[in-house]
Amino acid sequence: MATVLALLHLELHVPQARSLKDKRRIVKGFKDRLIHRFRVSVAEVDGHETHRRATLAVAMVGNDRDRVAGVIQTVWNLAATHRDMVLLDHTIEWL
């Protein structure tokens, strides 16, 4: 049995955030939607003290690389088109 793990890092800019509370509200909403819709693991891994920057790590484990790749691509697309955030950079690692 093959196990596939994908790790997506998203570097995000939240231009309308005027405080950490604003940023956390926007980022938390995005994280919660990803978790419930795709059953992925999501954590904010950098930018905790900056009110307009956040780095999210999104991980998915499965046994079908095409399925995992499709979900990771969809997550990336959602981040790139989110109305309250700007995607600055992303990286994908396969483990």
PDB file of N, CA and C in Angstrom:
ATOM      1  N   MET A   1       0.844  -1.173   0.000  1.00  0.00           N
ATOM      2  CA  MET A   1       0.000   0.000   0.000  1.00  0.00           C
ATOM      3  C   MET A   1       0.891   1.239   0.000  1.00  0.00           C
ATOM      4  N   ALA A   2       0.626   2.161  -0.910  1.00  0.00           N
ATOM      5  CA  ALA A   2       1.401   3.391  -1.014  1.00  0.00           C
ATOM      6  C   ALA A   2       0.737   4.492  -0.192  1.00  0.00           C
ATOM      7  N   THR A   3       1.544   5.224   0.535  1.00  0.00           N
ATOM      8  CA  THR A   3       1.058   6.368   1.296  1.00  0.00           C
ATOM      9  C   THR A   3       1.639   7.625   0.685  1.00  0.00           C
ATOM     10  N   VAL A   4       0.769   8.592   0.442  1.00  0.00           N
ATOM     11  CA  VAL A   4       1.170   9.852  -0.169  1.00  0.00           C
ATOM     12  C   VAL A   4       0.855  10.973   0.808  1.00  0.00           C
ATOM     13  N   LEU A   5       1.820  11.876   0.994  1.00  0.00           N
ATOM     14  CA  LEU A   5       1.605  13.036   1.845  1.00  0.00           C
ATOM     15  C   LEU A   5       2.019  14.280   1.086  1.00  0.00           C
ATOM     16  N   ALA A   6       1.122  15.231   1.011  1.00  0.00           N
ATOM     17  CA  ALA A   6       1.426  16.515   0.369  1.00  0.00           C
ATOM     18  C   ALA A   6       1.364  17.608   1.427  1.00  0.00           C
ATOM     19  N   LEU A   7       2.325  18.522   1.353  1.00  0.00           N
ATOM     20  CA  LEU A   7       2.390  19.651   2.273  1.00  0.00           C
ATOM     21  C   LEU A   7       2.446  20.926   1.438  1.00  0.00           C
ATOM     22  N   LEU A   8       1.443  21.756   1.593  1.00  0.00           N
ATOM     23  CA  LEU A   8       1.330  23.014   0.855  1.00  0.00           C
ATOM     24  C   LEU A   8       1.537  24.169   1.823  1.00  0.00           C
ATOM     25  N   HIS A   9       2.492  25.041   1.516  1.00  0.00           N
ATOM     26  CA  HIS A   9       2.687  26.270   2.296  1.00  0.00           C
ATOM     27  C   HIS A   9       2.128  27.428   1.486  1.00  0.00           C
ATOM     28  N   LEU A  10       1.295  28.237   2.132  1.00  0.00           N
ATOM     29  CA  LEU A  10       0.694  29.401   1.505  1.00  0.00           C
ATOM     30  C   LEU A  10       1.143  30.648   2.260  1.00  0.00           C
ATOM     31  N   GLU A  11       1.808  31.555   1.566  1.00  0.00           N
ATOM     32  CA  GLU A  11       2.173  32.827   2.176  1.00  0.00           C
ATOM     33  C   GLU A  11       1.122  33.844   1.747  1.00  0.00           C
ATOM     34  N   LEU A  12       0.414  34.383   2.734  1.00  0.00           N
ATOM     35  CA  LEU A  12      -0.746  35.219   2.460  1.00  0.00           C
ATOM     36  C   LEU A  12      -0.572  36.641   2.986  1.00  0.00           C
ATOM     37  N   HIS A  13      -1.160  37.575   2.273  1.00  0.00           N
ATOM     38  CA  HIS A  13      -1.224  38.974   2.698  1.00  0.00           C
ATOM     39  C   HIS A  13      -2.701  39.297   2.898  1.00  0.00           C
ATOM     40  N   VAL A  14      -3.030  39.913   4.025  1.00  0.00           N
ATOM     41  CA  VAL A  14      -4.410  40.265   4.343  1.00  0.00           C
ATOM     42  C   VAL A  14      -4.500  41.792   4.365  1.00  0.00           C
ATOM     43  N   PRO A  15      -4.718  42.429   3.206  1.00  0.00           N
ATOM     44  CA  PRO A  15      -4.594  43.878   3.113  1.00  0.00           C
ATOM     45  C   PRO A  15      -5.594  44.667   3.944  1.00  0.00           C
ATOM     46  N   GLN A  16      -6.781  44.142   4.169  1.00  0.00           N
ATOM     47  CA  GLN A  16      -7.779  44.907   4.902  1.00  0.00           C
ATOM     48  C   GLN A  16      -7.699  44.736   6.416  1.00  0.00           C
ATOM     49  N   ALA A  17      -6.815  43.885   6.898  1.00  0.00           N
ATOM     50  CA  ALA A  17      -6.681  43.684   8.342  1.00  0.00           C
ATOM     51  C   ALA A  17      -6.034  44.909   8.983  1.00  0.00           C
ATOM     52  N   ARG A  18      -6.709  45.442   9.980  1.00  0.00           N
ATOM     53  CA  ARG A  18      -6.169  46.601  10.698  1.00  0.00           C
ATOM     54  C   ARG A  18      -5.625  46.222  12.055  1.00  0.00           C
ATOM     55  N   SER A  19      -5.815  44.962  12.406  1.00  0.00           N
ATOM     56  CA  SER A  19      -5.321  44.466  13.693  1.00  0.00           C
ATOM     57  C   SER A  19      -5.111  42.956  13.581  1.00  0.00           C
ATOM     58  N   LEU A  20      -4.462  42.401  14.597  1.00  0.00           N
ATOM     59  CA  LEU A  20      -4.301  40.944  14.640  1.00  0.00           C
ATOM     60  C   LEU A  20      -5.661  40.259  14.710  1.00  0.00           C
ATOM     61  N   LYS A  21      -6.593  40.885  15.396  1.00  0.00           N
ATOM     62  CA  LYS A  21      -7.929  40.310  15.515  1.00  0.00           C
ATOM     63  C   LYS A  21      -8.607  40.209  14.142  1.00  0.00           C
ATOM     64  N   ASP A  22      -8.481  41.242  13.312  1.00  0.00           N
ATOM     65  CA  ASP A  22      -9.029  41.197  11.952  1.00  0.00           C
ATOM     66  C   ASP A  22      -8.400  40.066  11.147  1.00  0.00           C
ATOM     67  N   LYS A  23      -7.063  39.983  11.204  1.00  0.00           N
ATOM     68  CA  LYS A  23      -6.370  38.948  10.442  1.00  0.00           C
ATOM     69  C   LYS A  23      -6.789  37.564  10.905  1.00  0.00           C
ATOM     70  N   ARG A  24      -6.838  37.356  12.209  1.00  0.00           N
ATOM     71  CA  ARG A  24      -7.184  36.034  12.740  1.00  0.00           C
ATOM     72  C   ARG A  24      -8.592  35.628  12.331  1.00  0.00           C
ATOM     73  N   ARG A  25      -9.527  36.569  12.288  1.00  0.00           N
ATOM     74  CA  ARG A  25     -10.902  36.271  11.889  1.00  0.00           C
ATOM     75  C   ARG A  25     -10.935  35.790  10.437  1.00  0.00           C
ATOM     76  N   ILE A  26     -10.235  36.482   9.553  1.00  0.00           N
ATOM     77  CA  ILE A  26     -10.223  36.124   8.132  1.00  0.00           C
ATOM     78  C   ILE A  26      -9.509  34.791   7.914  1.00  0.00           C
ATOM     79  N   VAL A  27      -8.338  34.634   8.523  1.00  0.00           N
ATOM     80  CA  VAL A  27      -7.554  33.410   8.356  1.00  0.00           C
ATOM     81  C   VAL A  27      -8.277  32.221   8.972  1.00  0.00           C
ATOM     82  N   LYS A  28      -8.882  32.403  10.145  1.00  0.00           N
ATOM     83  CA  LYS A  28      -9.599  31.302  10.792  1.00  0.00           C
ATOM     84  C   LYS A  28     -10.775  30.843   9.935  1.00  0.00           C
ATOM     85  N   GLY A  29     -11.502  31.782   9.342  1.00  0.00           N
ATOM     86  CA  GLY A  29     -12.615  31.408   8.474  1.00  0.00           C
ATOM     87  C   GLY A  29     -12.150  30.582   7.287  1.00  0.00           C
ATOM     88  N   PHE A  30     -11.037  30.990   6.695  1.00  0.00           N
ATOM     89  CA  PHE A  30     -10.479  30.247   5.563  1.00  0.00           C
ATOM     90  C   PHE A  30     -10.029  28.853   6.003  1.00  0.00           C
ATOM     91  N   LYS A  31      -9.304  28.786   7.114  1.00  0.00           N
ATOM     92  CA  LYS A  31      -8.846  27.492   7.636  1.00  0.00           C
ATOM     93  C   LYS A  31     -10.025  26.554   7.910  1.00  0.00           C
ATOM     94  N   ASP A  32     -11.055  27.064   8.567  1.00  0.00           N
ATOM     95  CA  ASP A  32     -12.209  26.233   8.905  1.00  0.00           C
ATOM     96  C   ASP A  32     -12.906  25.694   7.655  1.00  0.00           C
ATOM     97  N   ARG A  33     -13.031  26.528   6.619  1.00  0.00           N
ATOM     98  CA  ARG A  33     -13.642  26.060   5.366  1.00  0.00           C
ATOM     99  C   ARG A  33     -12.821  24.939   4.727  1.00  0.00           C
ATOM    100  N   LEU A  34     -11.498  25.086   4.729  1.00  0.00           N
ATOM    101  CA  LEU A  34     -10.642  24.051   4.153  1.00  0.00           C
ATOM    102  C   LEU A  34     -10.773  22.733   4.921  1.00  0.00           C
ATOM    103  N   ILE A  35     -10.743  22.824   6.236  1.00  0.00           N
ATOM    104  CA  ILE A  35     -10.819  21.622   7.075  1.00  0.00           C
ATOM    105  C   ILE A  35     -12.136  20.881   6.845  1.00  0.00           C
ATOM    106  N   HIS A  36     -13.239  21.609   6.833  1.00  0.00           N
ATOM    107  CA  HIS A  36     -14.543  20.964   6.695  1.00  0.00           C
ATOM    108  C   HIS A  36     -14.826  20.484   5.274  1.00  0.00           C
ATOM    109  N   ARG A  37     -14.358  21.215   4.287  1.00  0.00           N
ATOM    110  CA  ARG A  37     -14.656  20.849   2.899  1.00  0.00           C
ATOM    111  C   ARG A  37     -13.758  19.734   2.375  1.00  0.00           C
ATOM    112  N   PHE A  38     -12.469  19.768   2.745  1.00  0.00           N
ATOM    113  CA  PHE A  38     -11.505  18.840   2.148  1.00  0.00           C
ATOM    114  C   PHE A  38     -10.900  17.832   3.123  1.00  0.00           C
ATOM    115  N   ARG A  39     -11.195  17.982   4.401  1.00  0.00           N
ATOM    116  CA  ARG A  39     -10.621  17.095   5.426  1.00  0.00           C
ATOM    117  C   ARG A  39      -9.098  17.090   5.387  1.00  0.00           C
ATOM    118  N   VAL A  40      -8.544  18.275   5.341  1.00  0.00           N
ATOM    119  CA  VAL A  40      -7.097  18.466   5.386  1.00  0.00           C
ATOM    120  C   VAL A  40      -6.728  19.008   6.757  1.00  0.00           C
ATOM    121  N   SER A  41      -5.457  18.952   7.089  1.00  0.00           N
ATOM    122  CA  SER A  41      -4.952  19.576   8.304  1.00  0.00           C
ATOM    123  C   SER A  41      -4.378  20.935   7.932  1.00  0.00           C
ATOM    124  N   VAL A  42      -4.707  21.957   8.721  1.00  0.00           N
ATOM    125  CA  VAL A  42      -4.263  23.317   8.432  1.00  0.00           C
ATOM    126  C   VAL A  42      -3.766  23.959   9.714  1.00  0.00           C
ATOM    127  N   ALA A  43      -2.613  24.627   9.617  1.00  0.00           N
ATOM    128  CA  ALA A  43      -2.075  25.364  10.761  1.00  0.00           C
ATOM    129  C   ALA A  43      -1.411  26.639  10.274  1.00  0.00           C
ATOM    130  N   GLU A  44      -1.551  27.693  11.066  1.00  0.00           N
ATOM    131  CA  GLU A  44      -0.800  28.917  10.801  1.00  0.00           C
ATOM    132  C   GLU A  44       0.580  28.712  11.396  1.00  0.00           C
ATOM    133  N   VAL A  45       1.602  28.733  10.553  1.00  0.00           N
ATOM    134  CA  VAL A  45       2.946  28.381  11.000  1.00  0.00           C
ATOM    135  C   VAL A  45       3.906  29.560  11.058  1.00  0.00           C
ATOM    136  N   ASP A  46       3.473  30.722  10.556  1.00  0.00           N
ATOM    137  CA  ASP A  46       4.343  31.903  10.610  1.00  0.00           C
ATOM    138  C   ASP A  46       3.478  33.147  10.466  1.00  0.00           C
ATOM    139  N   GLY A  47       4.013  34.273  10.918  1.00  0.00           N
ATOM    140  CA  GLY A  47       3.306  35.535  10.815  1.00  0.00           C
ATOM    141  C   GLY A  47       2.331  35.784  11.945  1.00  0.00           C
ATOM    142  N   HIS A  48       2.515  35.113  13.077  1.00  0.00           N
ATOM    143  CA  HIS A  48       1.580  35.216  14.196  1.00  0.00           C
ATOM    144  C   HIS A  48       1.445  36.632  14.749  1.00  0.00           C
ATOM    145  N   GLU A  49       2.516  37.379  14.740  1.00  0.00           N
ATOM    146  CA  GLU A  49       2.510  38.703  15.344  1.00  0.00           C
ATOM    147  C   GLU A  49       2.429  39.827  14.319  1.00  0.00           C
ATOM    148  N   THR A  50       2.212  39.498  13.066  1.00  0.00           N
ATOM    149  CA  THR A  50       2.091  40.491  12.009  1.00  0.00           C
ATOM    150  C   THR A  50       0.631  40.544  11.582  1.00  0.00           C
ATOM    151  N   HIS A  51       0.038  41.721  11.571  1.00  0.00           N
ATOM    152  CA  HIS A  51      -1.406  41.794  11.340  1.00  0.00           C
ATOM    153  C   HIS A  51      -1.815  41.732   9.877  1.00  0.00           C
ATOM    154  N   ARG A  52      -0.886  41.708   8.953  1.00  0.00           N
ATOM    155  CA  ARG A  52      -1.260  41.579   7.537  1.00  0.00           C
ATOM    156  C   ARG A  52      -0.594  40.409   6.823  1.00  0.00           C
ATOM    157  N   ARG A  53       0.149  39.586   7.526  1.00  0.00           N
ATOM    158  CA  ARG A  53       0.819  38.432   6.909  1.00  0.00           C
ATOM    159  C   ARG A  53       0.468  37.162   7.673  1.00  0.00           C
ATOM    160  N   ALA A  54       0.356  36.077   6.927  1.00  0.00           N
ATOM    161  CA  ALA A  54       0.137  34.762   7.529  1.00  0.00           C
ATOM    162  C   ALA A  54       0.723  33.710   6.604  1.00  0.00           C
ATOM    163  N   THR A  55       1.303  32.701   7.187  1.00  0.00           N
ATOM    164  CA  THR A  55       1.758  31.540   6.425  1.00  0.00           C
ATOM    165  C   THR A  55       1.004  30.333   6.951  1.00  0.00           C
ATOM    166  N   LEU A  56       0.295  29.666   6.055  1.00  0.00           N
ATOM    167  CA  LEU A  56      -0.458  28.473   6.415  1.00  0.00           C
ATOM    168  C   LEU A  56       0.231  27.238   5.853  1.00  0.00           C
ATOM    169  N   ALA A  57       0.198  26.169   6.620  1.00  0.00           N
ATOM    170  CA  ALA A  57       0.638  24.860   6.153  1.00  0.00           C
ATOM    171  C   ALA A  57      -0.615  23.996   6.037  1.00  0.00           C
ATOM    172  N   VAL A  58      -0.797  23.403   4.868  1.00  0.00           N
ATOM    173  CA  VAL A  58      -1.940  22.535   4.596  1.00  0.00           C
ATOM    174  C   VAL A  58      -1.384  21.160   4.254  1.00  0.00           C
ATOM    175  N   ALA A  59      -1.821  20.147   4.992  1.00  0.00           N
ATOM    176  CA  ALA A  59      -1.315  18.794   4.765  1.00  0.00           C
ATOM    177  C   ALA A  59      -2.471  17.851   4.460  1.00  0.00           C
ATOM    178  N   MET A  60      -2.190  16.920   3.551  1.00  0.00           N
ATOM    179  CA  MET A  60      -3.163  15.882   3.235  1.00  0.00           C
ATOM    180  C   MET A  60      -2.433  14.562   3.028  1.00  0.00           C
ATOM    181  N   VAL A  61      -2.995  13.506   3.593  1.00  0.00           N
ATOM    182  CA  VAL A  61      -2.449  12.162   3.468  1.00  0.00           C
ATOM    183  C   VAL A  61      -3.489  11.298   2.769  1.00  0.00           C
ATOM    184  N   GLY A  62      -3.022  10.451   1.868  1.00  0.00           N
ATOM    185  CA  GLY A  62      -3.926   9.537   1.183  1.00  0.00           C
ATOM    186  C   GLY A  62      -3.154   8.423   0.521  1.00  0.00           C
ATOM    187  N   ASN A  63      -3.875   7.587  -0.211  1.00  0.00           N
ATOM    188  CA  ASN A  63      -3.213   6.492  -0.916  1.00  0.00           C
ATOM    189  C   ASN A  63      -3.296   6.653  -2.433  1.00  0.00           C
ATOM    190  N   ASP A  64      -3.902   7.745  -2.887  1.00  0.00           N
ATOM    191  CA  ASP A  64      -4.044   8.017  -4.317  1.00  0.00           C
ATOM    192  C   ASP A  64      -3.423   9.381  -4.612  1.00  0.00           C
ATOM    193  N   ARG A  65      -2.256   9.378  -5.256  1.00  0.00           N
ATOM    194  CA  ARG A  65      -1.531  10.627  -5.499  1.00  0.00           C
ATOM    195  C   ARG A  65      -2.354  11.611  -6.336  1.00  0.00           C
ATOM    196  N   ASP A  66      -3.094  11.126  -7.324  1.00  0.00           N
ATOM    197  CA  ASP A  66      -3.904  12.014  -8.154  1.00  0.00           C
ATOM    198  C   ASP A  66      -4.982  12.717  -7.334  1.00  0.00           C
ATOM    199  N   ARG A  67      -5.613  12.004  -6.440  1.00  0.00           N
ATOM    200  CA  ARG A  67      -6.650  12.601  -5.579  1.00  0.00           C
ATOM    201  C   ARG A  67      -6.047  13.645  -4.658  1.00  0.00           C
ATOM    202  N   VAL A  68      -4.933  13.307  -4.017  1.00  0.00           N
ATOM    203  CA  VAL A  68      -4.268  14.252  -3.115  1.00  0.00           C
ATOM    204  C   VAL A  68      -3.824  15.489  -3.902  1.00  0.00           C
ATOM    205  N   ALA A  69      -3.243  15.283  -5.069  1.00  0.00           N
ATOM    206  CA  ALA A  69      -2.794  16.406  -5.895  1.00  0.00           C
ATOM    207  C   ALA A  69      -3.972  17.289  -6.303  1.00  0.00           C
ATOM    208  N   GLY A  70      -5.096  16.688  -6.610  1.00  0.00           N
ATOM    209  CA  GLY A  70      -6.283  17.454  -6.982  1.00  0.00           C
ATOM    210  C   GLY A  70      -6.795  18.322  -5.846  1.00  0.00           C
ATOM    211  N   VAL A  71      -6.817  17.767  -4.652  1.00  0.00           N
ATOM    212  CA  VAL A  71      -7.266  18.536  -3.494  1.00  0.00           C
ATOM    213  C   VAL A  71      -6.296  19.666  -3.199  1.00  0.00           C
ATOM    214  N   ILE A  72      -5.008  19.389  -3.233  1.00  0.00           N
ATOM    215  CA  ILE A  72      -4.005  20.426  -2.969  1.00  0.00           C
ATOM    216  C   ILE A  72      -4.106  21.537  -4.010  1.00  0.00           C
ATOM    217  N   GLN A  73      -4.315  21.184  -5.273  1.00  0.00           N
ATOM    218  CA  GLN A  73      -4.474  22.189  -6.329  1.00  0.00           C
ATOM    219  C   GLN A  73      -5.719  23.039  -6.094  1.00  0.00           C
ATOM    220  N   THR A  74      -6.800  22.417  -5.664  1.00  0.00           N
ATOM    221  CA  THR A  74      -8.030  23.148  -5.383  1.00  0.00           C
ATOM    222  C   THR A  74      -7.845  24.105  -4.215  1.00  0.00           C
ATOM    223  N   VAL A  75      -7.161  23.659  -3.186  1.00  0.00           N
ATOM    224  CA  VAL A  75      -6.869  24.531  -2.032  1.00  0.00           C
ATOM    225  C   VAL A  75      -6.037  25.723  -2.487  1.00  0.00           C
ATOM    226  N   TRP A  76      -5.019  25.466  -3.294  1.00  0.00           N
ATOM    227  CA  TRP A  76      -4.190  26.554  -3.817  1.00  0.00           C
ATOM    228  C   TRP A  76      -5.035  27.541  -4.624  1.00  0.00           C
ATOM    229  N   ASN A  77      -5.927  27.033  -5.475  1.00  0.00           N
ATOM    230  CA  ASN A  77      -6.802  27.896  -6.272  1.00  0.00           C
ATOM    231  C   ASN A  77      -7.709  28.751  -5.389  1.00  0.00           C
ATOM    232  N   LEU A  78      -8.247  28.159  -4.331  1.00  0.00           N
ATOM    233  CA  LEU A  78      -9.101  28.924  -3.422  1.00  0.00           C
ATOM    234  C   LEU A  78      -8.323  30.035  -2.732  1.00  0.00           C
ATOM    235  N   ALA A  79      -7.090  29.746  -2.333  1.00  0.00           N
ATOM    236  CA  ALA A  79      -6.258  30.775  -1.701  1.00  0.00           C
ATOM    237  C   ALA A  79      -5.929  31.882  -2.695  1.00  0.00           C
ATOM    238  N   ALA A  80      -5.675  31.511  -3.945  1.00  0.00           N
ATOM    239  CA  ALA A  80      -5.304  32.486  -4.971  1.00  0.00           C
ATOM    240  C   ALA A  80      -6.470  33.393  -5.359  1.00  0.00           C
ATOM    241  N   THR A  81      -7.695  32.939  -5.154  1.00  0.00           N
ATOM    242  CA  THR A  81      -8.865  33.718  -5.566  1.00  0.00           C
ATOM    243  C   THR A  81      -9.680  34.242  -4.383  1.00  0.00           C
ATOM    244  N   HIS A  82      -9.168  34.097  -3.181  1.00  0.00           N
ATOM    245  CA  HIS A  82      -9.897  34.543  -1.988  1.00  0.00           C
ATOM    246  C   HIS A  82     -10.065  36.058  -2.020  1.00  0.00           C
ATOM    247  N   ARG A  83     -11.240  36.536  -1.704  1.00  0.00           N
ATOM    248  CA  ARG A  83     -11.517  37.977  -1.818  1.00  0.00           C
ATOM    249  C   ARG A  83     -10.856  38.818  -0.723  1.00  0.00           C
ATOM    250  N   ASP A  84     -10.524  38.224   0.407  1.00  0.00           N
ATOM    251  CA  ASP A  84      -9.965  38.987   1.531  1.00  0.00           C
ATOM    252  C   ASP A  84      -8.467  38.799   1.713  1.00  0.00           C
ATOM    253  N   MET A  85      -7.850  37.956   0.867  1.00  0.00           N
ATOM    254  CA  MET A  85      -6.426  37.678   1.011  1.00  0.00           C
ATOM    255  C   MET A  85      -5.759  37.689  -0.353  1.00  0.00           C
ATOM    256  N   VAL A  86      -4.467  37.965  -0.340  1.00  0.00           N
ATOM    257  CA  VAL A  86      -3.662  37.908  -1.567  1.00  0.00           C
ATOM    258  C   VAL A  86      -2.614  36.819  -1.364  1.00  0.00           C
ATOM    259  N   LEU A  87      -2.558  35.878  -2.279  1.00  0.00           N
ATOM    260  CA  LEU A  87      -1.555  34.819  -2.210  1.00  0.00           C
ATOM    261  C   LEU A  87      -0.242  35.370  -2.741  1.00  0.00           C
ATOM    262  N   LEU A  88       0.781  35.441  -1.880  1.00  0.00           N
ATOM    263  CA  LEU A  88       2.082  35.969  -2.269  1.00  0.00           C
ATOM    264  C   LEU A  88       2.999  34.891  -2.821  1.00  0.00           C
ATOM    265  N   ASP A  89       2.931  33.703  -2.226  1.00  0.00           N
ATOM    266  CA  ASP A  89       3.823  32.619  -2.636  1.00  0.00           C
ATOM    267  C   ASP A  89       3.248  31.300  -2.140  1.00  0.00           C
ATOM    268  N   HIS A  90       3.679  30.228  -2.752  1.00  0.00           N
ATOM    269  CA  HIS A  90       3.284  28.905  -2.297  1.00  0.00           C
ATOM    270  C   HIS A  90       4.376  27.889  -2.642  1.00  0.00           C
ATOM    271  N   THR A  91       4.447  26.845  -1.878  1.00  0.00           N
ATOM    272  CA  THR A  91       5.340  25.712  -2.177  1.00  0.00           C
ATOM    273  C   THR A  91       4.582  24.431  -1.866  1.00  0.00           C
ATOM    274  N   ILE A  92       4.882  23.396  -2.634  1.00  0.00           N
ATOM    275  CA  ILE A  92       4.286  22.086  -2.416  1.00  0.00           C
ATOM    276  C   ILE A  92       5.420  21.086  -2.238  1.00  0.00           C
ATOM    277  N   GLU A  93       5.325  20.296  -1.181  1.00  0.00           N
ATOM    278  CA  GLU A  93       6.289  19.233  -0.927  1.00  0.00           C
ATOM    279  C   GLU A  93       5.552  17.898  -0.933  1.00  0.00           C
ATOM    280  N   TRP A  94       6.173  16.904  -1.522  1.00  0.00           N
ATOM    281  CA  TRP A  94       5.630  15.534  -1.515  1.00  0.00           C
ATOM    282  C   TRP A  94       6.531  14.684  -0.644  1.00  0.00           C
ATOM    283  N   LEU A  95       5.929  14.018   0.310  1.00  0.00           N
ATOM    284  CA  LEU A  95       6.700  13.186   1.248  1.00  0.00           C
ATOM    285  C   LEU A  95       6.232  11.754   1.195  1.00  0.00           C
TER     286      LEU A  95
END
